[in-house]
Amino acid sequence: MKAVLMTAAGSPEVLQVQDVPKPDSLEPTELLVKLRAAGINPIDTKLRKRGTFYPEQMPAILGCDGAGVVEAVGDRVQQFRVGDEVYFCNGGLGAHQGNYAEYTTVDERFVSRKGASVSFNDTAAAPLVLITAWEALYERGRLEPGERVLIHAGAGGVGHVAIQLAKLKGAEVCTTVSSQEKANFVKQLGADHVIFYKQTDFVQEVLNWTNGEGVDLAFDTVGGEILHKTFPAVRVYGDVVTILEPDANTIWKVARQRNLRIGLELMLTPMLLGMVEAQQHHAEILEQCARWMDAGKLKIHVSQTFPLEDAKEAHKLLETGSTMGKIVLLMGDD
C-alpha cells in the first residue's frame, strides 16, 4: 500500500510517499479499514517538526483522523461488519500507525459509524476537532443552556465546530476573527457576535456585549498571551479552557482575583496513556456528532483537499495559519 512516511523530524520535505506492507494480521477486536480520507491537524505539523512521542519508532506514519470502509474484521469483533463506513481518531502519534495511508487497523471500541449523508472528506476532517471542542465546552467548561461563551479563532478547525456545539447546547456565542470573509463564515455557523480582534480590543467588545459582566466561559484555541489577556473578559467565578500549554510568561493575577476556574484540554491524553474507557467515550462523542451531521445540525468545513502524495504541500498550507476549517488528504474519489 502507499503511505506517507515521516523519515525524520524537520520540514515538510521529510514526508515521503513510499510503498509499505499492507497490514496482514488483526487482533481479535480490530478492524482493517481501507481509508478514503485523512484529516490534517496542527498536532501533525508539530510532531513532524519536533519528532513524535515515540522517537525510537521511526519512520512514522502521521495522521490521527481517518475515515474509510471496513475491509476485514477480527474474530471477536461484534459491532462492525465488512462494508461499514466508519470514522475515528486513532494512531498517528508515533506508535500505532496513523492515517496518511491507504489502509490502517483500529480497535472497534474506538470507531464510530460515519453519517450516511456525509462525505468521507468531511467525515475525515471531523474527529479530533469535534472531540476537542466537545470536551472543552461540555466537560471542562461545563457549558449550560443560556450561558455566554467567547470562542477565540472561530473560523479555525476547532473554533468552527466549537461555535456549532455551543449553539447546539443553547448558548450565546461571540468569537474573534481576522477578516470579513471569516466573519461571514462564523455568522453562517451561528455566531451571535463577531469581534475583529486586529481592529478592536476584544476584551472591551466582550464586556460591551455582556453589559460589563463578562462571559461565562472563554475557550482559548490560540495560546500564548491570548490566555491571560482573556481573563478580564470572563465573569467572576467563570471558566476558561485552553487547548494549548500555558506559556511560562502567563500572568495569572486577574484569573486569581476573579476566581476563575482554569481547564486544560488535550484530547490526545487517552491515546497517549492507553485509557481504553476514555477512548470509547471519544467514540461515543463521534456517534452523537454523526447523528447531528446527518441531520444537518453540524457541518465540517473542508477548505482544501490534497491527494495523499501531496501531504507535504498540505502541511505547508496548514502552517500558514490562514486557512478556514480543515484540510484533508484523499486516498480515493468521494
C-alpha atoms as a PDB file:
ATOM      1  CA  MET A   1       0.000   0.000   0.000  1.00  0.00           C
ATOM      2  CA  LYS A   2       1.032   3.626  -0.389  1.00  0.00           C
ATOM      3  CA  ALA A   3       1.710   5.627   2.737  1.00  0.00           C
ATOM      4  CA  VAL A   4       3.346   8.908   3.667  1.00  0.00           C
ATOM      5  CA  LEU A   5       6.311   8.222   5.909  1.00  0.00           C
ATOM      6  CA  MET A   6       7.891  10.771   8.201  1.00  0.00           C
ATOM      7  CA  THR A   7      11.540   9.811   7.813  1.00  0.00           C
ATOM      8  CA  ALA A   8      12.937  12.271  10.381  1.00  0.00           C
ATOM      9  CA  ALA A   9      11.937  15.384  12.277  1.00  0.00           C
ATOM     10  CA  GLY A  10      12.061  18.508  10.159  1.00  0.00           C
ATOM     11  CA  SER A  11      10.450  20.441   7.322  1.00  0.00           C
ATOM     12  CA  PRO A  12       7.554  19.143   5.197  1.00  0.00           C
ATOM     13  CA  GLU A  13      10.190  17.600   2.924  1.00  0.00           C
ATOM     14  CA  VAL A  14      10.641  14.767   5.447  1.00  0.00           C
ATOM     15  CA  LEU A  15       7.211  13.444   4.383  1.00  0.00           C
ATOM     16  CA  GLN A  16       7.892  10.852   1.703  1.00  0.00           C
ATOM     17  CA  VAL A  17       5.401   8.670  -0.196  1.00  0.00           C
ATOM     18  CA  GLN A  18       6.519   5.052  -0.152  1.00  0.00           C
ATOM     19  CA  ASP A  19       5.161   1.570  -0.696  1.00  0.00           C
ATOM     20  CA  VAL A  20       4.854  -0.273   2.621  1.00  0.00           C
ATOM     21  CA  PRO A  21       3.301  -3.637   3.531  1.00  0.00           C
ATOM     22  CA  LYS A  22      -0.455  -3.628   3.948  1.00  0.00           C
ATOM     23  CA  PRO A  23      -1.482  -4.771   7.463  1.00  0.00           C
ATOM     24  CA  ASP A  24      -1.907  -8.530   7.145  1.00  0.00           C
ATOM     25  CA  SER A  25      -2.986  -9.569  10.624  1.00  0.00           C
ATOM     26  CA  LEU A  26      -5.647  -8.362  13.018  1.00  0.00           C
ATOM     27  CA  GLU A  27      -6.044  -8.529  16.752  1.00  0.00           C
ATOM     28  CA  PRO A  28      -9.357 -10.174  17.736  1.00  0.00           C
ATOM     29  CA  THR A  29     -11.182  -6.833  18.215  1.00  0.00           C
ATOM     30  CA  GLU A  30      -9.534  -4.933  15.370  1.00  0.00           C
ATOM     31  CA  LEU A  31     -10.842  -3.707  12.041  1.00  0.00           C
ATOM     32  CA  LEU A  32      -8.892  -3.370   8.810  1.00  0.00           C
ATOM     33  CA  VAL A  33     -10.052  -0.098   7.249  1.00  0.00           C
ATOM     34  CA  LYS A  34      -9.500   0.934   3.654  1.00  0.00           C
ATOM     35  CA  LEU A  35      -9.010   4.638   4.176  1.00  0.00           C
ATOM     36  CA  ARG A  36     -10.756   7.095   1.899  1.00  0.00           C
ATOM     37  CA  ALA A  37      -9.569  10.296   3.558  1.00  0.00           C
ATOM     38  CA  ALA A  38      -7.458  11.566   6.460  1.00  0.00           C
ATOM     39  CA  GLY A  39      -7.776  14.851   8.303  1.00  0.00           C
ATOM     40  CA  ILE A  40      -4.729  17.035   8.913  1.00  0.00           C
ATOM     41  CA  ASN A  41      -4.350  18.759  12.281  1.00  0.00           C
ATOM     42  CA  PRO A  42      -1.794  21.094  13.886  1.00  0.00           C
ATOM     43  CA  ILE A  43      -0.556  18.192  16.029  1.00  0.00           C
ATOM     44  CA  ASP A  44       0.635  16.548  12.801  1.00  0.00           C
ATOM     45  CA  THR A  45       2.817  19.504  11.868  1.00  0.00           C
ATOM     46  CA  LYS A  46       4.131  19.836  15.425  1.00  0.00           C
ATOM     47  CA  LEU A  47       5.151  16.178  15.555  1.00  0.00           C
ATOM     48  CA  ARG A  48       6.726  16.435  12.125  1.00  0.00           C
ATOM     49  CA  LYS A  49       8.834  19.408  13.216  1.00  0.00           C
ATOM     50  CA  ARG A  50       9.915  18.243  16.673  1.00  0.00           C
ATOM     51  CA  GLY A  51       9.605  14.462  16.453  1.00  0.00           C
ATOM     52  CA  THR A  52       6.871  12.063  17.547  1.00  0.00           C
ATOM     53  CA  PHE A  53       6.103  10.894  21.076  1.00  0.00           C
ATOM     54  CA  TYR A  54       7.961   7.660  20.245  1.00  0.00           C
ATOM     55  CA  PRO A  55      11.222   8.724  18.541  1.00  0.00           C
ATOM     56  CA  GLU A  56      12.634   5.207  18.763  1.00  0.00           C
ATOM     57  CA  GLN A  57       9.915   4.005  16.383  1.00  0.00           C
ATOM     58  CA  MET A  58      10.868   5.636  13.100  1.00  0.00           C
ATOM     59  CA  PRO A  59       9.912   6.131  10.352  1.00  0.00           C
ATOM     60  CA  ALA A  60       6.389   7.048  11.391  1.00  0.00           C
ATOM     61  CA  ILE A  61       3.038   7.483   9.645  1.00  0.00           C
ATOM     62  CA  LEU A  62       1.252  10.586  10.917  1.00  0.00           C
ATOM     63  CA  GLY A  63      -2.446  11.417  10.951  1.00  0.00           C
ATOM     64  CA  CYS A  64      -4.850  10.938  13.864  1.00  0.00           C
ATOM     65  CA  ASP A  65      -8.087  11.378  11.885  1.00  0.00           C
ATOM     66  CA  GLY A  66      -9.350   8.797   9.420  1.00  0.00           C
ATOM     67  CA  ALA A  67     -12.469   7.752   7.539  1.00  0.00           C
ATOM     68  CA  GLY A  68     -12.996   4.741   5.326  1.00  0.00           C
ATOM     69  CA  VAL A  69     -14.637   1.385   4.755  1.00  0.00           C
ATOM     70  CA  VAL A  70     -14.198  -1.749   6.856  1.00  0.00           C
ATOM     71  CA  GLU A  71     -12.453  -4.375   4.712  1.00  0.00           C
ATOM     72  CA  ALA A  72     -11.852  -7.121   7.305  1.00  0.00           C
ATOM     73  CA  VAL A  73     -12.702  -7.787  10.963  1.00  0.00           C
ATOM     74  CA  GLY A  74     -11.062  -9.676  13.806  1.00  0.00           C
ATOM     75  CA  ASP A  75     -12.712 -12.862  15.050  1.00  0.00           C
ATOM     76  CA  ARG A  76     -14.162 -11.185  18.157  1.00  0.00           C
ATOM     77  CA  VAL A  77     -15.481  -8.002  16.511  1.00  0.00           C
ATOM     78  CA  GLN A  78     -19.151  -7.521  17.398  1.00  0.00           C
ATOM     79  CA  GLN A  79     -20.204  -4.016  16.336  1.00  0.00           C
ATOM     80  CA  PHE A  80     -18.992  -3.767  12.734  1.00  0.00           C
ATOM     81  CA  ARG A  81     -19.116  -5.735   9.514  1.00  0.00           C
ATOM     82  CA  VAL A  82     -17.211  -5.652   6.254  1.00  0.00           C
ATOM     83  CA  GLY A  83     -18.527  -2.741   4.196  1.00  0.00           C
ATOM     84  CA  ASP A  84     -19.384  -0.450   7.122  1.00  0.00           C
ATOM     85  CA  GLU A  85     -18.378   3.189   6.646  1.00  0.00           C
ATOM     86  CA  VAL A  86     -16.538   4.447   9.719  1.00  0.00           C
ATOM     87  CA  TYR A  87     -14.518   7.310  11.157  1.00  0.00           C
ATOM     88  CA  PHE A  88     -12.225   7.661  14.148  1.00  0.00           C
ATOM     89  CA  CYS A  89      -9.319   9.399  15.844  1.00  0.00           C
ATOM     90  CA  ASN A  90      -6.617   6.787  16.348  1.00  0.00           C
ATOM     91  CA  GLY A  91      -2.878   6.452  15.824  1.00  0.00           C
ATOM     92  CA  GLY A  92      -0.549   8.959  14.234  1.00  0.00           C
ATOM     93  CA  LEU A  93       1.465   9.842  17.343  1.00  0.00           C
ATOM     94  CA  GLY A  94       4.450   7.651  16.523  1.00  0.00           C
ATOM     95  CA  ALA A  95       3.474   4.264  17.960  1.00  0.00           C
ATOM     96  CA  HIS A  96       0.359   2.921  16.221  1.00  0.00           C
ATOM     97  CA  GLN A  97       0.272   3.677  12.505  1.00  0.00           C
ATOM     98  CA  GLY A  98      -1.511   6.875  11.547  1.00  0.00           C
ATOM     99  CA  ASN A  99      -3.898   7.562   8.687  1.00  0.00           C
ATOM    100  CA  TYR A 100      -1.685   9.050   5.971  1.00  0.00           C
ATOM    101  CA  ALA A 101      -2.001   5.697   4.226  1.00  0.00           C
ATOM    102  CA  GLU A 102      -4.309   3.564   2.108  1.00  0.00           C
ATOM    103  CA  TYR A 103      -5.081   1.123   4.950  1.00  0.00           C
ATOM    104  CA  THR A 104      -4.921   1.053   8.721  1.00  0.00           C
ATOM    105  CA  THR A 105      -6.066  -1.070  11.655  1.00  0.00           C
ATOM    106  CA  VAL A 106      -8.096   0.182  14.606  1.00  0.00           C
ATOM    107  CA  ASP A 107      -9.799  -1.413  17.585  1.00  0.00           C
ATOM    108  CA  GLU A 108     -13.570  -1.482  17.112  1.00  0.00           C
ATOM    109  CA  ARG A 109     -14.048   0.142  20.510  1.00  0.00           C
ATOM    110  CA  PHE A 110     -12.515   3.362  19.201  1.00  0.00           C
ATOM    111  CA  VAL A 111     -14.550   3.573  15.990  1.00  0.00           C
ATOM    112  CA  SER A 112     -17.873   5.177  15.071  1.00  0.00           C
ATOM    113  CA  ARG A 113     -20.095   4.847  12.033  1.00  0.00           C
ATOM    114  CA  LYS A 114     -19.988   7.877   9.785  1.00  0.00           C
ATOM    115  CA  GLY A 115     -23.096   9.787   8.861  1.00  0.00           C
ATOM    116  CA  ALA A 116     -24.784   8.209   5.853  1.00  0.00           C
ATOM    117  CA  SER A 117     -25.287  11.552   4.124  1.00  0.00           C
ATOM    118  CA  VAL A 118     -21.848  12.979   4.915  1.00  0.00           C
ATOM    119  CA  SER A 119     -18.873  12.651   2.563  1.00  0.00           C
ATOM    120  CA  PHE A 120     -15.708  10.824   3.549  1.00  0.00           C
ATOM    121  CA  ASN A 121     -13.861  14.134   3.064  1.00  0.00           C
ATOM    122  CA  ASP A 122     -15.939  15.966   5.656  1.00  0.00           C
ATOM    123  CA  THR A 123     -16.053  12.977   7.977  1.00  0.00           C
ATOM    124  CA  ALA A 124     -12.274  12.535   7.997  1.00  0.00           C
ATOM    125  CA  ALA A 125     -11.823  16.188   8.936  1.00  0.00           C
ATOM    126  CA  ALA A 126     -14.015  15.865  11.998  1.00  0.00           C
ATOM    127  CA  PRO A 127     -12.843  13.560  14.827  1.00  0.00           C
ATOM    128  CA  LEU A 128     -10.024  15.404  16.598  1.00  0.00           C
ATOM    129  CA  VAL A 129     -11.633  18.847  16.426  1.00  0.00           C
ATOM    130  CA  LEU A 130     -15.057  17.556  17.444  1.00  0.00           C
ATOM    131  CA  ILE A 131     -13.735  15.683  20.462  1.00  0.00           C
ATOM    132  CA  THR A 132     -11.558  18.639  21.466  1.00  0.00           C
ATOM    133  CA  ALA A 133     -14.401  21.143  21.266  1.00  0.00           C
ATOM    134  CA  TRP A 134     -16.885  18.768  22.956  1.00  0.00           C
ATOM    135  CA  GLU A 135     -14.602  18.099  25.909  1.00  0.00           C
ATOM    136  CA  ALA A 136     -13.541  21.741  26.236  1.00  0.00           C
ATOM    137  CA  LEU A 137     -17.070  23.171  26.188  1.00  0.00           C
ATOM    138  CA  TYR A 138     -19.244  20.439  27.680  1.00  0.00           C
ATOM    139  CA  GLU A 139     -16.869  18.697  30.092  1.00  0.00           C
ATOM    140  CA  ARG A 140     -14.086  21.127  31.104  1.00  0.00           C
ATOM    141  CA  GLY A 141     -16.181  24.280  30.730  1.00  0.00           C
ATOM    142  CA  ARG A 142     -19.489  22.749  31.887  1.00  0.00           C
ATOM    143  CA  LEU A 143     -21.401  24.892  29.397  1.00  0.00           C
ATOM    144  CA  GLU A 144     -25.126  25.225  30.114  1.00  0.00           C
ATOM    145  CA  PRO A 145     -28.054  26.481  28.004  1.00  0.00           C
ATOM    146  CA  GLY A 146     -28.368  30.269  28.054  1.00  0.00           C
ATOM    147  CA  GLU A 147     -24.757  30.897  29.015  1.00  0.00           C
ATOM    148  CA  ARG A 148     -22.490  33.191  27.028  1.00  0.00           C
ATOM    149  CA  VAL A 149     -19.217  31.923  25.605  1.00  0.00           C
ATOM    150  CA  LEU A 150     -16.219  33.526  23.910  1.00  0.00           C
ATOM    151  CA  ILE A 151     -14.514  31.297  21.319  1.00  0.00           C
ATOM    152  CA  HIS A 152     -11.174  32.509  20.024  1.00  0.00           C
ATOM    153  CA  ALA A 153     -10.366  31.962  16.332  1.00  0.00           C
ATOM    154  CA  GLY A 154     -13.865  30.868  15.440  1.00  0.00           C
ATOM    155  CA  ALA A 155     -13.024  30.249  11.779  1.00  0.00           C
ATOM    156  CA  GLY A 156     -10.325  27.698  12.589  1.00  0.00           C
ATOM    157  CA  GLY A 157     -10.538  23.914  12.738  1.00  0.00           C
ATOM    158  CA  VAL A 158     -11.518  23.630  16.401  1.00  0.00           C
ATOM    159  CA  GLY A 159     -13.198  27.038  16.529  1.00  0.00           C
ATOM    160  CA  HIS A 160     -15.707  26.469  13.751  1.00  0.00           C
ATOM    161  CA  VAL A 161     -17.062  23.284  15.326  1.00  0.00           C
ATOM    162  CA  ALA A 162     -16.959  24.816  18.815  1.00  0.00           C
ATOM    163  CA  ILE A 163     -19.335  27.558  17.654  1.00  0.00           C
ATOM    164  CA  GLN A 164     -21.783  24.935  16.432  1.00  0.00           C
ATOM    165  CA  LEU A 165     -21.536  22.749  19.543  1.00  0.00           C
ATOM    166  CA  ALA A 166     -22.093  25.788  21.760  1.00  0.00           C
ATOM    167  CA  LYS A 167     -25.190  26.748  19.774  1.00  0.00           C
ATOM    168  CA  LEU A 168     -26.479  23.159  19.938  1.00  0.00           C
ATOM    169  CA  LYS A 169     -26.201  23.483  23.718  1.00  0.00           C
ATOM    170  CA  GLY A 170     -28.314  26.642  23.649  1.00  0.00           C
ATOM    171  CA  ALA A 171     -25.513  29.092  24.432  1.00  0.00           C
ATOM    172  CA  GLU A 172     -24.886  32.576  23.054  1.00  0.00           C
ATOM    173  CA  VAL A 173     -21.586  32.815  21.188  1.00  0.00           C
ATOM    174  CA  CYS A 174     -19.140  35.592  20.430  1.00  0.00           C
ATOM    175  CA  THR A 175     -15.963  34.846  18.532  1.00  0.00           C
ATOM    176  CA  THR A 176     -12.800  36.512  17.278  1.00  0.00           C
ATOM    177  CA  VAL A 177     -11.811  36.642  13.605  1.00  0.00           C
ATOM    178  CA  SER A 178      -9.281  38.489  11.454  1.00  0.00           C
ATOM    179  CA  SER A 179     -11.220  39.263   8.260  1.00  0.00           C
ATOM    180  CA  GLN A 180     -14.659  39.967   6.826  1.00  0.00           C
ATOM    181  CA  GLU A 181     -14.559  36.659   4.963  1.00  0.00           C
ATOM    182  CA  LYS A 182     -14.094  34.828   8.244  1.00  0.00           C
ATOM    183  CA  ALA A 183     -16.765  36.971   9.885  1.00  0.00           C
ATOM    184  CA  ASN A 184     -19.266  35.933   7.221  1.00  0.00           C
ATOM    185  CA  PHE A 185     -18.247  32.318   7.720  1.00  0.00           C
ATOM    186  CA  VAL A 186     -18.745  32.266  11.506  1.00  0.00           C
ATOM    187  CA  LYS A 187     -22.070  34.079  11.233  1.00  0.00           C
ATOM    188  CA  GLN A 188     -23.292  31.283   8.960  1.00  0.00           C
ATOM    189  CA  LEU A 189     -22.296  28.838  11.702  1.00  0.00           C
ATOM    190  CA  GLY A 190     -24.458  30.675  14.238  1.00  0.00           C
ATOM    191  CA  ALA A 191     -22.120  33.125  15.982  1.00  0.00           C
ATOM    192  CA  ASP A 192     -24.152  35.844  17.686  1.00  0.00           C
ATOM    193  CA  HIS A 193     -21.408  38.467  17.904  1.00  0.00           C
ATOM    194  CA  VAL A 194     -18.217  38.757  15.855  1.00  0.00           C
ATOM    195  CA  ILE A 195     -15.108  40.600  17.038  1.00  0.00           C
ATOM    196  CA  PHE A 196     -12.386  41.774  14.649  1.00  0.00           C
ATOM    197  CA  TYR A 197      -9.524  41.320  17.090  1.00  0.00           C
ATOM    198  CA  LYS A 198      -6.973  43.146  14.919  1.00  0.00           C
ATOM    199  CA  GLN A 199      -9.065  46.306  14.875  1.00  0.00           C
ATOM    200  CA  THR A 200     -10.645  46.403  18.335  1.00  0.00           C
ATOM    201  CA  ASP A 201      -9.936  45.444  21.940  1.00  0.00           C
ATOM    202  CA  PHE A 202     -11.648  42.060  22.208  1.00  0.00           C
ATOM    203  CA  VAL A 203     -11.955  42.336  25.999  1.00  0.00           C
ATOM    204  CA  GLN A 204     -13.837  45.612  25.773  1.00  0.00           C
ATOM    205  CA  GLU A 205     -16.000  44.197  22.992  1.00  0.00           C
ATOM    206  CA  VAL A 206     -16.906  41.226  25.185  1.00  0.00           C
ATOM    207  CA  LEU A 207     -17.677  43.440  28.159  1.00  0.00           C
ATOM    208  CA  ASN A 208     -19.893  45.641  25.989  1.00  0.00           C
ATOM    209  CA  TRP A 209     -21.686  42.547  24.692  1.00  0.00           C
ATOM    210  CA  THR A 210     -22.268  41.227  28.225  1.00  0.00           C
ATOM    211  CA  ASN A 211     -23.178  44.569  29.845  1.00  0.00           C
ATOM    212  CA  GLY A 212     -19.888  44.661  31.703  1.00  0.00           C
ATOM    213  CA  GLU A 213     -20.210  41.241  33.313  1.00  0.00           C
ATOM    214  CA  GLY A 214     -18.022  39.048  31.095  1.00  0.00           C
ATOM    215  CA  VAL A 215     -18.731  35.698  29.501  1.00  0.00           C
ATOM    216  CA  ASP A 216     -19.481  32.556  31.479  1.00  0.00           C
ATOM    217  CA  LEU A 217     -16.884  30.586  29.529  1.00  0.00           C
ATOM    218  CA  ALA A 218     -13.926  31.538  27.342  1.00  0.00           C
ATOM    219  CA  PHE A 219     -12.368  28.963  25.019  1.00  0.00           C
ATOM    220  CA  ASP A 220      -8.755  29.663  24.013  1.00  0.00           C
ATOM    221  CA  THR A 221      -7.669  27.898  20.819  1.00  0.00           C
ATOM    222  CA  VAL A 222      -4.725  30.251  20.174  1.00  0.00           C
ATOM    223  CA  GLY A 223      -2.438  30.132  23.211  1.00  0.00           C
ATOM    224  CA  GLY A 224       0.429  32.396  24.185  1.00  0.00           C
ATOM    225  CA  GLU A 225      -0.540  35.762  25.629  1.00  0.00           C
ATOM    226  CA  ILE A 226      -4.142  35.344  24.470  1.00  0.00           C
ATOM    227  CA  LEU A 227      -4.765  33.200  27.559  1.00  0.00           C
ATOM    228  CA  HIS A 228      -4.027  35.845  30.171  1.00  0.00           C
ATOM    229  CA  LYS A 229      -5.404  38.648  28.011  1.00  0.00           C
ATOM    230  CA  THR A 230      -8.727  36.785  28.079  1.00  0.00           C
ATOM    231  CA  PHE A 231      -9.083  36.670  31.864  1.00  0.00           C
ATOM    232  CA  PRO A 232     -10.700  40.149  32.220  1.00  0.00           C
ATOM    233  CA  ALA A 233     -13.341  39.141  29.651  1.00  0.00           C
ATOM    234  CA  VAL A 234     -14.659  36.330  31.879  1.00  0.00           C
ATOM    235  CA  ARG A 235     -17.157  36.873  34.660  1.00  0.00           C
ATOM    236  CA  VAL A 236     -16.181  36.386  38.286  1.00  0.00           C
ATOM    237  CA  TYR A 237     -16.285  32.635  39.076  1.00  0.00           C
ATOM    238  CA  GLY A 238     -16.370  31.904  35.346  1.00  0.00           C
ATOM    239  CA  ASP A 239     -14.452  29.323  33.311  1.00  0.00           C
ATOM    240  CA  VAL A 240     -11.512  29.472  30.925  1.00  0.00           C
ATOM    241  CA  VAL A 241     -10.472  26.442  28.903  1.00  0.00           C
ATOM    242  CA  THR A 242      -7.347  26.336  26.737  1.00  0.00           C
ATOM    243  CA  ILE A 243      -6.124  23.685  24.320  1.00  0.00           C
ATOM    244  CA  LEU A 244      -2.548  24.989  24.494  1.00  0.00           C
ATOM    245  CA  GLU A 245       0.004  24.575  27.263  1.00  0.00           C
ATOM    246  CA  PRO A 246       0.017  27.839  29.245  1.00  0.00           C
ATOM    247  CA  ASP A 247       3.069  29.932  28.446  1.00  0.00           C
ATOM    248  CA  ALA A 248       5.681  30.352  31.177  1.00  0.00           C
ATOM    249  CA  ASN A 249       5.046  34.102  30.986  1.00  0.00           C
ATOM    250  CA  THR A 250       1.317  33.773  31.636  1.00  0.00           C
ATOM    251  CA  ILE A 251       0.143  36.391  34.130  1.00  0.00           C
ATOM    252  CA  TRP A 252      -2.346  34.738  36.487  1.00  0.00           C
ATOM    253  CA  LYS A 253      -3.201  37.703  38.742  1.00  0.00           C
ATOM    254  CA  VAL A 254      -6.549  38.614  37.133  1.00  0.00           C
ATOM    255  CA  ALA A 255      -7.604  34.965  36.972  1.00  0.00           C
ATOM    256  CA  ARG A 256      -6.937  34.641  40.696  1.00  0.00           C
ATOM    257  CA  GLN A 257      -8.711  37.902  41.542  1.00  0.00           C
ATOM    258  CA  ARG A 258     -11.794  36.831  39.601  1.00  0.00           C
ATOM    259  CA  ASN A 259     -11.707  33.260  40.984  1.00  0.00           C
ATOM    260  CA  LEU A 260     -11.683  31.775  37.509  1.00  0.00           C
ATOM    261  CA  ARG A 261     -11.707  28.047  37.014  1.00  0.00           C
ATOM    262  CA  ILE A 262      -8.988  27.068  34.514  1.00  0.00           C
ATOM    263  CA  GLY A 263      -9.409  23.973  32.370  1.00  0.00           C
ATOM    264  CA  LEU A 264      -6.717  22.307  30.262  1.00  0.00           C
ATOM    265  CA  GLU A 265      -7.905  20.289  27.275  1.00  0.00           C
ATOM    266  CA  LEU A 266      -5.762  17.689  25.480  1.00  0.00           C
ATOM    267  CA  MET A 267      -7.930  15.140  23.715  1.00  0.00           C
ATOM    268  CA  LEU A 268      -4.852  13.008  22.942  1.00  0.00           C
ATOM    269  CA  THR A 269      -4.437  12.022  26.607  1.00  0.00           C
ATOM    270  CA  PRO A 270      -6.430   8.748  26.403  1.00  0.00           C
ATOM    271  CA  MET A 271      -4.452   7.610  23.362  1.00  0.00           C
ATOM    272  CA  LEU A 272      -1.106   8.555  24.918  1.00  0.00           C
ATOM    273  CA  LEU A 273      -1.896   6.846  28.220  1.00  0.00           C
ATOM    274  CA  GLY A 274      -3.743   3.824  26.817  1.00  0.00           C
ATOM    275  CA  MET A 275      -7.008   4.695  28.572  1.00  0.00           C
ATOM    276  CA  VAL A 276      -9.458   2.364  26.862  1.00  0.00           C
ATOM    277  CA  GLU A 277     -12.659   3.620  28.519  1.00  0.00           C
ATOM    278  CA  ALA A 278     -11.806   7.224  27.686  1.00  0.00           C
ATOM    279  CA  GLN A 279     -11.132   6.276  24.069  1.00  0.00           C
ATOM    280  CA  GLN A 280     -14.504   4.528  23.999  1.00  0.00           C
ATOM    281  CA  HIS A 281     -16.044   7.759  25.290  1.00  0.00           C
ATOM    282  CA  HIS A 282     -14.471   9.557  22.338  1.00  0.00           C
ATOM    283  CA  ALA A 283     -16.177   7.100  20.004  1.00  0.00           C
ATOM    284  CA  GLU A 284     -19.485   7.832  21.740  1.00  0.00           C
ATOM    285  CA  ILE A 285     -18.948  11.560  21.164  1.00  0.00           C
ATOM    286  CA  LEU A 286     -18.385  10.870  17.475  1.00  0.00           C
ATOM    287  CA  GLU A 287     -21.546   8.749  17.316  1.00  0.00           C
ATOM    288  CA  GLN A 288     -23.634  11.679  18.561  1.00  0.00           C
ATOM    289  CA  CYS A 289     -21.865  14.107  16.242  1.00  0.00           C
ATOM    290  CA  ALA A 290     -22.509  11.780  13.271  1.00  0.00           C
ATOM    291  CA  ARG A 291     -26.222  11.929  14.070  1.00  0.00           C
ATOM    292  CA  TRP A 292     -26.084  15.724  14.161  1.00  0.00           C
ATOM    293  CA  MET A 293     -24.168  15.827  10.881  1.00  0.00           C
ATOM    294  CA  ASP A 294     -26.704  13.521   9.249  1.00  0.00           C
ATOM    295  CA  ALA A 295     -29.488  15.782  10.492  1.00  0.00           C
ATOM    296  CA  GLY A 296     -27.801  18.888   9.084  1.00  0.00           C
ATOM    297  CA  LYS A 297     -27.262  20.375  12.556  1.00  0.00           C
ATOM    298  CA  LEU A 298     -23.458  20.174  12.442  1.00  0.00           C
ATOM    299  CA  LYS A 299     -21.204  20.849   9.471  1.00  0.00           C
ATOM    300  CA  ILE A 300     -17.487  20.389   8.957  1.00  0.00           C
ATOM    301  CA  HIS A 301     -15.889  22.909   6.634  1.00  0.00           C
ATOM    302  CA  VAL A 302     -13.121  21.485   4.464  1.00  0.00           C
ATOM    303  CA  SER A 303     -11.255  24.389   2.897  1.00  0.00           C
ATOM    304  CA  GLN A 304      -8.995  22.327   0.661  1.00  0.00           C
ATOM    305  CA  THR A 305      -8.179  18.725  -0.217  1.00  0.00           C
ATOM    306  CA  PHE A 306      -4.925  17.177  -1.430  1.00  0.00           C
ATOM    307  CA  PRO A 307      -4.110  13.739  -2.820  1.00  0.00           C
ATOM    308  CA  LEU A 308      -2.157  11.537  -0.414  1.00  0.00           C
ATOM    309  CA  GLU A 309       1.002  12.118  -2.454  1.00  0.00           C
ATOM    310  CA  ASP A 310       0.848  15.865  -1.711  1.00  0.00           C
ATOM    311  CA  ALA A 311       0.908  15.613   2.085  1.00  0.00           C
ATOM    312  CA  LYS A 312       3.912  17.918   2.271  1.00  0.00           C
ATOM    313  CA  GLU A 313       2.002  20.631   0.398  1.00  0.00           C
ATOM    314  CA  ALA A 314      -0.939  20.202   2.770  1.00  0.00           C
ATOM    315  CA  HIS A 315       1.405  20.691   5.737  1.00  0.00           C
ATOM    316  CA  LYS A 316       2.825  23.848   4.180  1.00  0.00           C
ATOM    317  CA  LEU A 317      -0.657  25.285   3.741  1.00  0.00           C
ATOM    318  CA  LEU A 318      -1.729  24.464   7.300  1.00  0.00           C
ATOM    319  CA  GLU A 319       1.386  26.117   8.679  1.00  0.00           C
ATOM    320  CA  THR A 320       0.472  29.435   7.045  1.00  0.00           C
ATOM    321  CA  GLY A 321      -2.226  29.744   9.729  1.00  0.00           C
ATOM    322  CA  SER A 322      -4.622  31.374   7.297  1.00  0.00           C
ATOM    323  CA  THR A 323      -6.984  28.521   6.416  1.00  0.00           C
ATOM    324  CA  MET A 324     -10.610  28.300   7.465  1.00  0.00           C
ATOM    325  CA  GLY A 325     -11.896  24.980   8.743  1.00  0.00           C
ATOM    326  CA  LYS A 326      -9.903  21.878   7.859  1.00  0.00           C
ATOM    327  CA  ILE A 327      -7.525  20.382   5.271  1.00  0.00           C
ATOM    328  CA  VAL A 328      -7.922  16.776   4.144  1.00  0.00           C
ATOM    329  CA  LEU A 329      -5.827  14.152   2.335  1.00  0.00           C
ATOM    330  CA  LEU A 330      -7.665  11.936  -0.154  1.00  0.00           C
ATOM    331  CA  MET A 331      -6.932   8.297  -0.935  1.00  0.00           C
ATOM    332  CA  GLY A 332      -9.724   7.915  -3.467  1.00  0.00           C
ATOM    333  CA  ASP A 333     -12.644   9.646  -5.165  1.00  0.00           C
ATOM    334  CA  ASP A 334     -15.513  10.603  -2.868  1.00  0.00           C
END
